[in-house]
Amino acid sequence: MLLHLAAAAATAADTLTHRSVTSATGATAASCDVAIIGAGPGGVYAAWRILKSDPSTSVCIFEATERAGGRIYSARGLGPKGDLTAELGAYRFVRNWTKGWGGYMWTPLTAALVETALQLPIAQYEPGDPTSFMYKIVDAAGHNAGYDTFVTKMLGEATAAGARVEYKRQLVSISGTAA
């Protein structure tokens, strides 16, 4: 579904020659081909995919809060030594179709992004438990790197490719002229 939305956004961008976006403060942002609402995993993924597909597309991401990640939130630098990362939102993924607590679980897009596209190191969420089927993102030393690492890495690649992120901005209108 998300792939379809990203493709639809890229196709829609081809129909306008100029598009401006206006935030809730009334400020008009610079023109962009694609406006994405929210810098959660879905919004960041859409921007990342669009720019991988066509780097010439100008992409603006509007995030109402001060950070990317949506309900994924990794709090870093905690504990007496400042070396603890705690997950305050989503925090793990399932690599394969698995029957778990109360039903079936599978996060194939997240698993493919983390392991293949972004090549982030992972570890079993509950090491030593042979029945564990959940995975987390780790650093080179095997410590919890924070689940938002995959969102942060995609966002870094998207902004390096030209995406603009507007934090604490809400999109209230889009205007454009037909091609």
Foldseek 3Di string as FASTA:
>chain_A
DLVVVLVVLLVQLVFFPWKWWAWPVRDIDHTFSGEFEAQAQSRLVSLLVNCVVPLVGEYEYEHQAQDHHVQWDWDFLDDPRRGDIDTPGDFKAFCDFAQDDPGTGHDPVLNCLCCPVVNFDKDFPDPPDPVGGIIGGADPVRHGPGRCVSSVVSNVSSVVSNYHYHYSTHTDDMDGDTD
